[in-house]
Amino acid sequence: MSVPRARLLDLMRARCELFSTTFNPEGVRTGNKILRQKLKGPALASYYPRKVMTFRDFQKEFQPLELEVENEDEIDRLEHIAGLKSRGKGAPKKKREKDTSKKR
């Protein structure tokens, strides 16, 4: 003697209402498992420390005193780019205006 499917569905519906779960008798993938999880954004954002002061902020602080502060990383980067350009390996120049001579 088996229980009719309609009666089992009514039982499942009542159980879902009672325990605040999703009623899904067909077993369709809905993503509720993911949506119920705790948000990961705040934990990921708190992993990296906040930047207190950037190098540009540091330069701006000493600008009124007319002190020259050099950024060694920026100087190294510019020297590297100059070396690449001298060997012909640098980035191509950007276009200044549209090329209207192309045919469609």
PDB file of N, CA and C in Angstrom:
ATOM      1  N   MET A   1       0.854  -1.172   0.000  1.00  0.00           N
ATOM      2  CA  MET A   1       0.000   0.000   0.000  1.00  0.00           C
ATOM      3  C   MET A   1       0.902   1.237   0.000  1.00  0.00           C
ATOM      4  N   SER A   2       0.822   2.002  -1.104  1.00  0.00           N
ATOM      5  CA  SER A   2       1.675   3.186  -1.215  1.00  0.00           C
ATOM      6  C   SER A   2       0.848   4.452  -1.043  1.00  0.00           C
ATOM      7  N   VAL A   3       1.548   5.509  -0.672  1.00  0.00           N
ATOM      8  CA  VAL A   3       0.901   6.795  -0.434  1.00  0.00           C
ATOM      9  C   VAL A   3       0.824   7.543  -1.771  1.00  0.00           C
ATOM     10  N   PRO A   4      -0.317   8.176  -2.074  1.00  0.00           N
ATOM     11  CA  PRO A   4      -0.428   8.914  -3.347  1.00  0.00           C
ATOM     12  C   PRO A   4       0.574  10.080  -3.419  1.00  0.00           C
ATOM     13  N   ARG A   5       1.029  10.372  -4.629  1.00  0.00           N
ATOM     14  CA  ARG A   5       2.035  11.426  -4.844  1.00  0.00           C
ATOM     15  C   ARG A   5       1.511  12.790  -4.410  1.00  0.00           C
ATOM     16  N   ALA A   6       0.258  13.087  -4.637  1.00  0.00           N
ATOM     17  CA  ALA A   6      -0.315  14.383  -4.256  1.00  0.00           C
ATOM     18  C   ALA A   6      -0.212  14.595  -2.751  1.00  0.00           C
ATOM     19  N   ARG A   7      -0.431  13.508  -1.993  1.00  0.00           N
ATOM     20  CA  ARG A   7      -0.363  13.633  -0.531  1.00  0.00           C
ATOM     21  C   ARG A   7       1.081  13.864  -0.072  1.00  0.00           C
ATOM     22  N   LEU A   8       2.052  13.204  -0.748  1.00  0.00           N
ATOM     23  CA  LEU A   8       3.466  13.425  -0.415  1.00  0.00           C
ATOM     24  C   LEU A   8       3.895  14.858  -0.747  1.00  0.00           C
ATOM     25  N   LEU A   9       3.375  15.378  -1.856  1.00  0.00           N
ATOM     26  CA  LEU A   9       3.692  16.762  -2.226  1.00  0.00           C
ATOM     27  C   LEU A   9       3.124  17.748  -1.211  1.00  0.00           C
ATOM     28  N   ASP A  10       1.914  17.473  -0.725  1.00  0.00           N
ATOM     29  CA  ASP A  10       1.332  18.340   0.313  1.00  0.00           C
ATOM     30  C   ASP A  10       2.179  18.304   1.590  1.00  0.00           C
ATOM     31  N   LEU A  11       2.674  17.117   1.931  1.00  0.00           N
ATOM     32  CA  LEU A  11       3.530  16.981   3.112  1.00  0.00           C
ATOM     33  C   LEU A  11       4.841  17.758   2.918  1.00  0.00           C
ATOM     34  N   MET A  12       5.430  17.627   1.716  1.00  0.00           N
ATOM     35  CA  MET A  12       6.668  18.358   1.436  1.00  0.00           C
ATOM     36  C   MET A  12       6.436  19.863   1.490  1.00  0.00           C
ATOM     37  N   ARG A  13       5.316  20.327   0.935  1.00  0.00           N
ATOM     38  CA  ARG A  13       5.007  21.761   0.946  1.00  0.00           C
ATOM     39  C   ARG A  13       4.864  22.273   2.377  1.00  0.00           C
ATOM     40  N   ALA A  14       4.170  21.520   3.215  1.00  0.00           N
ATOM     41  CA  ALA A  14       3.979  21.917   4.618  1.00  0.00           C
ATOM     42  C   ALA A  14       5.325  21.933   5.352  1.00  0.00           C
ATOM     43  N   ARG A  15       6.170  20.934   5.073  1.00  0.00           N
ATOM     44  CA  ARG A  15       7.486  20.871   5.710  1.00  0.00           C
ATOM     45  C   ARG A  15       8.339  22.073   5.299  1.00  0.00           C
ATOM     46  N   CYS A  16       8.259  22.455   4.019  1.00  0.00           N
ATOM     47  CA  CYS A  16       9.032  23.598   3.535  1.00  0.00           C
ATOM     48  C   CYS A  16       8.553  24.901   4.173  1.00  0.00           C
ATOM     49  N   GLU A  17       7.271  25.047   4.349  1.00  0.00           N
ATOM     50  CA  GLU A  17       6.733  26.247   5.001  1.00  0.00           C
ATOM     51  C   GLU A  17       7.168  26.294   6.473  1.00  0.00           C
ATOM     52  N   LEU A  18       7.137  25.143   7.121  1.00  0.00           N
ATOM     53  CA  LEU A  18       7.475  25.070   8.535  1.00  0.00           C
ATOM     54  C   LEU A  18       8.949  25.385   8.785  1.00  0.00           C
ATOM     55  N   PHE A  19       9.837  24.845   7.943  1.00  0.00           N
ATOM     56  CA  PHE A  19      11.271  25.027   8.159  1.00  0.00           C
ATOM     57  C   PHE A  19      11.887  26.119   7.279  1.00  0.00           C
ATOM     58  N   SER A  20      11.069  26.885   6.588  1.00  0.00           N
ATOM     59  CA  SER A  20      11.509  28.005   5.738  1.00  0.00           C
ATOM     60  C   SER A  20      12.535  27.555   4.694  1.00  0.00           C
ATOM     61  N   THR A  21      12.199  26.495   3.986  1.00  0.00           N
ATOM     62  CA  THR A  21      13.030  26.033   2.885  1.00  0.00           C
ATOM     63  C   THR A  21      12.238  26.180   1.586  1.00  0.00           C
ATOM     64  N   THR A  22      12.911  25.970   0.477  1.00  0.00           N
ATOM     65  CA  THR A  22      12.284  26.146  -0.827  1.00  0.00           C
ATOM     66  C   THR A  22      11.589  24.860  -1.250  1.00  0.00           C
ATOM     67  N   PHE A  23      10.354  24.982  -1.683  1.00  0.00           N
ATOM     68  CA  PHE A  23       9.596  23.837  -2.180  1.00  0.00           C
ATOM     69  C   PHE A  23       9.959  23.622  -3.641  1.00  0.00           C
ATOM     70  N   ASN A  24      10.614  22.506  -3.919  1.00  0.00           N
ATOM     71  CA  ASN A  24      11.085  22.218  -5.271  1.00  0.00           C
ATOM     72  C   ASN A  24      10.899  20.724  -5.545  1.00  0.00           C
ATOM     73  N   PRO A  25       9.675  20.288  -5.845  1.00  0.00           N
ATOM     74  CA  PRO A  25       9.431  18.850  -6.011  1.00  0.00           C
ATOM     75  C   PRO A  25      10.091  18.249  -7.258  1.00  0.00           C
ATOM     76  N   GLU A  26      10.326  19.056  -8.299  1.00  0.00           N
ATOM     77  CA  GLU A  26      10.941  18.528  -9.524  1.00  0.00           C
ATOM     78  C   GLU A  26      12.460  18.434  -9.402  1.00  0.00           C
ATOM     79  N   GLY A  27      13.058  19.047  -8.396  1.00  0.00           N
ATOM     80  CA  GLY A  27      14.502  19.009  -8.214  1.00  0.00           C
ATOM     81  C   GLY A  27      15.248  19.865  -9.218  1.00  0.00           C
ATOM     82  N   VAL A  28      14.619  20.955  -9.667  1.00  0.00           N
ATOM     83  CA  VAL A  28      15.251  21.865 -10.626  1.00  0.00           C
ATOM     84  C   VAL A  28      16.349  22.642  -9.913  1.00  0.00           C
ATOM     85  N   ARG A  29      17.477  22.848 -10.621  1.00  0.00           N
ATOM     86  CA  ARG A  29      18.584  23.608 -10.029  1.00  0.00           C
ATOM     87  C   ARG A  29      18.200  25.084  -9.957  1.00  0.00           C
ATOM     88  N   THR A  30      18.147  25.635  -8.753  1.00  0.00           N
ATOM     89  CA  THR A  30      17.705  27.017  -8.571  1.00  0.00           C
ATOM     90  C   THR A  30      18.794  27.950  -8.053  1.00  0.00           C
ATOM     91  N   GLY A  31      19.870  27.411  -7.502  1.00  0.00           N
ATOM     92  CA  GLY A  31      20.933  28.251  -6.962  1.00  0.00           C
ATOM     93  C   GLY A  31      20.704  28.652  -5.518  1.00  0.00           C
ATOM     94  N   ASN A  32      19.697  28.094  -4.870  1.00  0.00           N
ATOM     95  CA  ASN A  32      19.418  28.459  -3.477  1.00  0.00           C
ATOM     96  C   ASN A  32      20.562  28.087  -2.551  1.00  0.00           C
ATOM     97  N   LYS A  33      21.281  27.019  -2.878  1.00  0.00           N
ATOM     98  CA  LYS A  33      22.408  26.610  -2.046  1.00  0.00           C
ATOM     99  C   LYS A  33      23.453  27.714  -1.988  1.00  0.00           C
ATOM    100  N   ILE A  34      23.701  28.340  -3.124  1.00  0.00           N
ATOM    101  CA  ILE A  34      24.678  29.422  -3.184  1.00  0.00           C
ATOM    102  C   ILE A  34      24.137  30.674  -2.505  1.00  0.00           C
ATOM    103  N   LEU A  35      22.861  30.979  -2.751  1.00  0.00           N
ATOM    104  CA  LEU A  35      22.275  32.201  -2.194  1.00  0.00           C
ATOM    105  C   LEU A  35      22.149  32.156  -0.678  1.00  0.00           C
ATOM    106  N   ARG A  36      22.049  30.956  -0.107  1.00  0.00           N
ATOM    107  CA  ARG A  36      21.937  30.832   1.346  1.00  0.00           C
ATOM    108  C   ARG A  36      23.284  30.993   2.050  1.00  0.00           C
ATOM    109  N   GLN A  37      24.392  30.866   1.320  1.00  0.00           N
ATOM    110  CA  GLN A  37      25.706  30.936   1.947  1.00  0.00           C
ATOM    111  C   GLN A  37      26.009  32.341   2.447  1.00  0.00           C
ATOM    112  N   LYS A  38      26.876  32.393   3.442  1.00  0.00           N
ATOM    113  CA  LYS A  38      27.309  33.670   3.992  1.00  0.00           C
ATOM    114  C   LYS A  38      28.108  34.430   2.938  1.00  0.00           C
ATOM    115  N   LEU A  39      27.926  35.747   2.853  1.00  0.00           N
ATOM    116  CA  LEU A  39      28.624  36.554   1.858  1.00  0.00           C
ATOM    117  C   LEU A  39      30.123  36.565   2.120  1.00  0.00           C
ATOM    118  N   LYS A  40      30.902  36.451   1.037  1.00  0.00           N
ATOM    119  CA  LYS A  40      32.352  36.392   1.172  1.00  0.00           C
ATOM    120  C   LYS A  40      33.021  37.747   0.960  1.00  0.00           C
ATOM    121  N   GLY A  41      32.311  38.724   0.463  1.00  0.00           N
ATOM    122  CA  GLY A  41      32.893  40.024   0.144  1.00  0.00           C
ATOM    123  C   GLY A  41      33.600  40.705   1.303  1.00  0.00           C
ATOM    124  N   PRO A  42      32.943  40.867   2.451  1.00  0.00           N
ATOM    125  CA  PRO A  42      33.609  41.538   3.577  1.00  0.00           C
ATOM    126  C   PRO A  42      34.867  40.813   4.044  1.00  0.00           C
ATOM    127  N   ALA A  43      34.848  39.481   4.023  1.00  0.00           N
ATOM    128  CA  ALA A  43      36.019  38.719   4.463  1.00  0.00           C
ATOM    129  C   ALA A  43      37.176  38.913   3.481  1.00  0.00           C
ATOM    130  N   LEU A  44      36.871  38.923   2.178  1.00  0.00           N
ATOM    131  CA  LEU A  44      37.920  39.119   1.182  1.00  0.00           C
ATOM    132  C   LEU A  44      38.462  40.544   1.236  1.00  0.00           C
ATOM    133  N   ALA A  45      37.583  41.512   1.452  1.00  0.00           N
ATOM    134  CA  ALA A  45      38.018  42.908   1.494  1.00  0.00           C
ATOM    135  C   ALA A  45      38.886  43.181   2.727  1.00  0.00           C
ATOM    136  N   SER A  46      38.614  42.506   3.809  1.00  0.00           N
ATOM    137  CA  SER A  46      39.396  42.750   5.023  1.00  0.00           C
ATOM    138  C   SER A  46      40.729  42.002   5.019  1.00  0.00           C
ATOM    139  N   TYR A  47      40.960  41.141   4.019  1.00  0.00           N
ATOM    140  CA  TYR A  47      42.207  40.373   3.960  1.00  0.00           C
ATOM    141  C   TYR A  47      43.396  41.291   3.694  1.00  0.00           C
ATOM    142  N   TYR A  48      43.225  42.233   2.766  1.00  0.00           N
ATOM    143  CA  TYR A  48      44.313  43.148   2.425  1.00  0.00           C
ATOM    144  C   TYR A  48      44.209  44.408   3.288  1.00  0.00           C
ATOM    145  N   PRO A  49      45.328  44.885   3.823  1.00  0.00           N
ATOM    146  CA  PRO A  49      45.260  46.103   4.643  1.00  0.00           C
ATOM    147  C   PRO A  49      44.957  47.320   3.775  1.00  0.00           C
ATOM    148  N   ARG A  50      44.322  48.303   4.363  1.00  0.00           N
ATOM    149  CA  ARG A  50      44.000  49.528   3.626  1.00  0.00           C
ATOM    150  C   ARG A  50      45.266  50.344   3.407  1.00  0.00           C
ATOM    151  N   LYS A  51      45.322  51.012   2.251  1.00  0.00           N
ATOM    152  CA  LYS A  51      46.475  51.861   1.973  1.00  0.00           C
ATOM    153  C   LYS A  51      46.331  53.150   2.775  1.00  0.00           C
ATOM    154  N   VAL A  52      47.352  53.440   3.524  1.00  0.00           N
ATOM    155  CA  VAL A  52      47.316  54.635   4.362  1.00  0.00           C
ATOM    156  C   VAL A  52      47.705  55.849   3.536  1.00  0.00           C
ATOM    157  N   MET A  53      48.803  55.736   2.778  1.00  0.00           N
ATOM    158  CA  MET A  53      49.285  56.863   1.998  1.00  0.00           C
ATOM    159  C   MET A  53      49.994  56.329   0.756  1.00  0.00           C
ATOM    160  N   THR A  54      49.688  56.900  -0.406  1.00  0.00           N
ATOM    161  CA  THR A  54      50.370  56.514  -1.630  1.00  0.00           C
ATOM    162  C   THR A  54      51.598  57.395  -1.818  1.00  0.00           C
ATOM    163  N   PHE A  55      52.423  57.033  -2.790  1.00  0.00           N
ATOM    164  CA  PHE A  55      53.634  57.809  -3.029  1.00  0.00           C
ATOM    165  C   PHE A  55      53.291  59.205  -3.538  1.00  0.00           C
ATOM    166  N   ARG A  56      52.243  59.315  -4.339  1.00  0.00           N
ATOM    167  CA  ARG A  56      51.835  60.645  -4.839  1.00  0.00           C
ATOM    168  C   ARG A  56      51.372  61.539  -3.700  1.00  0.00           C
ATOM    169  N   ASP A  57      50.667  60.958  -2.723  1.00  0.00           N
ATOM    170  CA  ASP A  57      50.264  61.741  -1.544  1.00  0.00           C
ATOM    171  C   ASP A  57      51.499  62.235  -0.793  1.00  0.00           C
ATOM    172  N   PHE A  58      52.500  61.363  -0.705  1.00  0.00           N
ATOM    173  CA  PHE A  58      53.760  61.711  -0.037  1.00  0.00           C
ATOM    174  C   PHE A  58      54.443  62.872  -0.763  1.00  0.00           C
ATOM    175  N   GLN A  59      54.460  62.823  -2.112  1.00  0.00           N
ATOM    176  CA  GLN A  59      55.069  63.909  -2.888  1.00  0.00           C
ATOM    177  C   GLN A  59      54.304  65.214  -2.702  1.00  0.00           C
ATOM    178  N   LYS A  60      52.984  65.147  -2.666  1.00  0.00           N
ATOM    179  CA  LYS A  60      52.171  66.359  -2.495  1.00  0.00           C
ATOM    180  C   LYS A  60      52.408  67.016  -1.136  1.00  0.00           C
ATOM    181  N   GLU A  61      52.684  66.196  -0.111  1.00  0.00           N
ATOM    182  CA  GLU A  61      52.943  66.736   1.219  1.00  0.00           C
ATOM    183  C   GLU A  61      54.237  67.551   1.247  1.00  0.00           C
ATOM    184  N   PHE A  62      55.250  67.117   0.488  1.00  0.00           N
ATOM    185  CA  PHE A  62      56.543  67.799   0.503  1.00  0.00           C
ATOM    186  C   PHE A  62      56.678  68.837  -0.607  1.00  0.00           C
ATOM    187  N   GLN A  63      55.684  68.990  -1.453  1.00  0.00           N
ATOM    188  CA  GLN A  63      55.742  69.965  -2.540  1.00  0.00           C
ATOM    189  C   GLN A  63      55.817  71.413  -2.028  1.00  0.00           C
ATOM    190  N   PRO A  64      55.053  71.798  -1.024  1.00  0.00           N
ATOM    191  CA  PRO A  64      55.162  73.183  -0.531  1.00  0.00           C
ATOM    192  C   PRO A  64      56.541  73.515   0.043  1.00  0.00           C
ATOM    193  N   LEU A  65      57.257  72.522   0.525  1.00  0.00           N
ATOM    194  CA  LEU A  65      58.588  72.751   1.093  1.00  0.00           C
ATOM    195  C   LEU A  65      59.668  72.759   0.004  1.00  0.00           C
ATOM    196  N   GLU A  66      59.260  72.557  -1.242  1.00  0.00           N
ATOM    197  CA  GLU A  66      60.149  72.532  -2.403  1.00  0.00           C
ATOM    198  C   GLU A  66      61.228  71.459  -2.256  1.00  0.00           C
ATOM    199  N   LEU A  67      60.853  70.330  -1.646  1.00  0.00           N
ATOM    200  CA  LEU A  67      61.753  69.192  -1.539  1.00  0.00           C
ATOM    201  C   LEU A  67      61.424  68.220  -2.668  1.00  0.00           C
ATOM    202  N   GLU A  68      62.449  67.724  -3.332  1.00  0.00           N
ATOM    203  CA  GLU A  68      62.242  66.815  -4.445  1.00  0.00           C
ATOM    204  C   GLU A  68      62.342  65.375  -3.946  1.00  0.00           C
ATOM    205  N   VAL A  69      61.284  64.629  -4.130  1.00  0.00           N
ATOM    206  CA  VAL A  69      61.237  63.239  -3.710  1.00  0.00           C
ATOM    207  C   VAL A  69      61.125  62.386  -4.971  1.00  0.00           C
ATOM    208  N   GLU A  70      62.048  61.430  -5.143  1.00  0.00           N
ATOM    209  CA  GLU A  70      62.056  60.613  -6.351  1.00  0.00           C
ATOM    210  C   GLU A  70      61.456  59.244  -6.069  1.00  0.00           C
ATOM    211  N   ASN A  71      60.655  58.801  -6.997  1.00  0.00           N
ATOM    212  CA  ASN A  71      60.052  57.479  -6.919  1.00  0.00           C
ATOM    213  C   ASN A  71      60.929  56.520  -7.729  1.00  0.00           C
ATOM    214  N   GLU A  72      61.709  55.696  -7.031  1.00  0.00           N
ATOM    215  CA  GLU A  72      62.650  54.808  -7.713  1.00  0.00           C
ATOM    216  C   GLU A  72      61.938  53.782  -8.581  1.00  0.00           C
ATOM    217  N   ASP A  73      60.796  53.305  -8.138  1.00  0.00           N
ATOM    218  CA  ASP A  73      60.050  52.324  -8.934  1.00  0.00           C
ATOM    219  C   ASP A  73      59.599  52.932 -10.256  1.00  0.00           C
ATOM    220  N   GLU A  74      59.128  54.180 -10.218  1.00  0.00           N
ATOM    221  CA  GLU A  74      58.684  54.858 -11.438  1.00  0.00           C
ATOM    222  C   GLU A  74      59.856  55.125 -12.375  1.00  0.00           C
ATOM    223  N   ILE A  75      61.000  55.506 -11.819  1.00  0.00           N
ATOM    224  CA  ILE A  75      62.197  55.745 -12.636  1.00  0.00           C
ATOM    225  C   ILE A  75      62.641  54.447 -13.313  1.00  0.00           C
ATOM    226  N   ASP A  76      62.631  53.338 -12.562  1.00  0.00           N
ATOM    227  CA  ASP A  76      62.989  52.035 -13.135  1.00  0.00           C
ATOM    228  C   ASP A  76      62.030  51.646 -14.250  1.00  0.00           C
ATOM    229  N   ARG A  77      60.744  51.901 -14.053  1.00  0.00           N
ATOM    230  CA  ARG A  77      59.744  51.569 -15.066  1.00  0.00           C
ATOM    231  C   ARG A  77      59.979  52.366 -16.342  1.00  0.00           C
ATOM    232  N   LEU A  78      60.246  53.668 -16.203  1.00  0.00           N
ATOM    233  CA  LEU A  78      60.483  54.511 -17.375  1.00  0.00           C
ATOM    234  C   LEU A  78      61.760  54.109 -18.111  1.00  0.00           C
ATOM    235  N   GLU A  79      62.814  53.725 -17.361  1.00  0.00           N
ATOM    236  CA  GLU A  79      64.051  53.248 -18.000  1.00  0.00           C
ATOM    237  C   GLU A  79      63.806  51.950 -18.759  1.00  0.00           C
ATOM    238  N   HIS A  80      63.005  51.074 -18.187  1.00  0.00           N
ATOM    239  CA  HIS A  80      62.680  49.808 -18.849  1.00  0.00           C
ATOM    240  C   HIS A  80      61.924  50.058 -20.156  1.00  0.00           C
ATOM    241  N   ILE A  81      60.962  50.966 -20.127  1.00  0.00           N
ATOM    242  CA  ILE A  81      60.190  51.295 -21.331  1.00  0.00           C
ATOM    243  C   ILE A  81      61.085  51.932 -22.379  1.00  0.00           C
ATOM    244  N   ALA A  82      61.997  52.811 -21.961  1.00  0.00           N
ATOM    245  CA  ALA A  82      62.919  53.438 -22.905  1.00  0.00           C
ATOM    246  C   ALA A  82      63.810  52.384 -23.565  1.00  0.00           C
ATOM    247  N   GLY A  83      64.272  51.394 -22.797  1.00  0.00           N
ATOM    248  CA  GLY A  83      65.077  50.315 -23.355  1.00  0.00           C
ATOM    249  C   GLY A  83      64.306  49.493 -24.371  1.00  0.00           C
ATOM    250  N   LEU A  84      63.042  49.213 -24.073  1.00  0.00           N
ATOM    251  CA  LEU A  84      62.204  48.465 -25.015  1.00  0.00           C
ATOM    252  C   LEU A  84      62.007  49.244 -26.311  1.00  0.00           C
ATOM    253  N   LYS A  85      61.748  50.545 -26.177  1.00  0.00           N
ATOM    254  CA  LYS A  85      61.523  51.368 -27.369  1.00  0.00           C
ATOM    255  C   LYS A  85      62.784  51.475 -28.216  1.00  0.00           C
ATOM    256  N   SER A  86      63.958  51.522 -27.578  1.00  0.00           N
ATOM    257  CA  SER A  86      65.205  51.633 -28.335  1.00  0.00           C
ATOM    258  C   SER A  86      65.462  50.371 -29.167  1.00  0.00           C
ATOM    259  N   ARG A  87      64.955  49.223 -28.712  1.00  0.00           N
ATOM    260  CA  ARG A  87      65.115  47.979 -29.458  1.00  0.00           C
ATOM    261  C   ARG A  87      63.952  47.728 -30.410  1.00  0.00           C
ATOM    262  N   GLY A  88      62.967  48.636 -30.418  1.00  0.00           N
ATOM    263  CA  GLY A  88      61.809  48.475 -31.290  1.00  0.00           C
ATOM    264  C   GLY A  88      60.754  47.536 -30.734  1.00  0.00           C
ATOM    265  N   LYS A  89      60.772  47.297 -29.426  1.00  0.00           N
ATOM    266  CA  LYS A  89      59.841  46.360 -28.798  1.00  0.00           C
ATOM    267  C   LYS A  89      58.763  47.074 -27.970  1.00  0.00           C
ATOM    268  N   GLY A  90      58.725  48.388 -28.031  1.00  0.00           N
ATOM    269  CA  GLY A  90      57.783  49.138 -27.208  1.00  0.00           C
ATOM    270  C   GLY A  90      56.368  49.065 -27.742  1.00  0.00           C
ATOM    271  N   ALA A  91      55.451  49.608 -26.973  1.00  0.00           N
ATOM    272  CA  ALA A  91      54.047  49.637 -27.379  1.00  0.00           C
ATOM    273  C   ALA A  91      53.880  50.580 -28.567  1.00  0.00           C
ATOM    274  N   PRO A  92      52.961  50.260 -29.494  1.00  0.00           N
ATOM    275  CA  PRO A  92      52.755  51.149 -30.631  1.00  0.00           C
ATOM    276  C   PRO A  92      52.088  52.453 -30.198  1.00  0.00           C
ATOM    277  N   LYS A  93      52.291  53.509 -30.996  1.00  0.00           N
ATOM    278  CA  LYS A  93      51.684  54.794 -30.678  1.00  0.00           C
ATOM    279  C   LYS A  93      50.178  54.720 -30.877  1.00  0.00           C
ATOM    280  N   LYS A  94      49.467  55.468 -30.074  1.00  0.00           N
ATOM    281  CA  LYS A  94      48.011  55.502 -30.197  1.00  0.00           C
ATOM    282  C   LYS A  94      47.625  56.382 -31.366  1.00  0.00           C
ATOM    283  N   LYS A  95      46.494  56.028 -31.995  1.00  0.00           N
ATOM    284  CA  LYS A  95      45.992  56.843 -33.102  1.00  0.00           C
ATOM    285  C   LYS A  95      45.405  58.130 -32.550  1.00  0.00           C
ATOM    286  N   ARG A  96      45.639  59.223 -33.242  1.00  0.00           N
ATOM    287  CA  ARG A  96      45.114  60.525 -32.813  1.00  0.00           C
ATOM    288  C   ARG A  96      43.750  60.802 -33.424  1.00  0.00           C
ATOM    289  N   GLU A  97      43.520  60.354 -34.658  1.00  0.00           N
ATOM    290  CA  GLU A  97      42.240  60.628 -35.315  1.00  0.00           C
ATOM    291  C   GLU A  97      41.768  59.380 -36.033  1.00  0.00           C
ATOM    292  N   LYS A  98      40.480  59.366 -36.341  1.00  0.00           N
ATOM    293  CA  LYS A  98      39.902  58.217 -37.026  1.00  0.00           C
ATOM    294  C   LYS A  98      40.388  58.145 -38.461  1.00  0.00           C
ATOM    295  N   ASP A  99      40.557  56.915 -38.936  1.00  0.00           N
ATOM    296  CA  ASP A  99      40.941  56.690 -40.326  1.00  0.00           C
ATOM    297  C   ASP A  99      39.651  56.527 -41.121  1.00  0.00           C
ATOM    298  N   THR A 100      39.312  57.550 -41.937  1.00  0.00           N
ATOM    299  CA  THR A 100      38.055  57.528 -42.692  1.00  0.00           C
ATOM    300  C   THR A 100      38.260  56.994 -44.105  1.00  0.00           C
ATOM    301  N   SER A 101      39.472  56.581 -44.471  1.00  0.00           N
ATOM    302  CA  SER A 101      39.722  56.107 -45.821  1.00  0.00           C
ATOM    303  C   SER A 101      39.342  54.647 -46.001  1.00  0.00           C
ATOM    304  N   LYS A 102      38.965  53.963 -44.934  1.00  0.00           N
ATOM    305  CA  LYS A 102      38.589  52.545 -45.060  1.00  0.00           C
ATOM    306  C   LYS A 102      37.269  52.414 -45.802  1.00  0.00           C
ATOM    307  N   LYS A 103      37.209  51.421 -46.686  1.00  0.00           N
ATOM    308  CA  LYS A 103      35.976  51.145 -47.438  1.00  0.00           C
ATOM    309  C   LYS A 103      35.200  50.076 -46.727  1.00  0.00           C
ATOM    310  N   ARG A 104      33.891  50.186 -46.823  1.00  0.00           N
ATOM    311  CA  ARG A 104      33.016  49.211 -46.162  1.00  0.00           C
ATOM    312  C   ARG A 104      32.563  48.174 -47.119  1.00  0.00           C
TER     313      ARG A 104
END
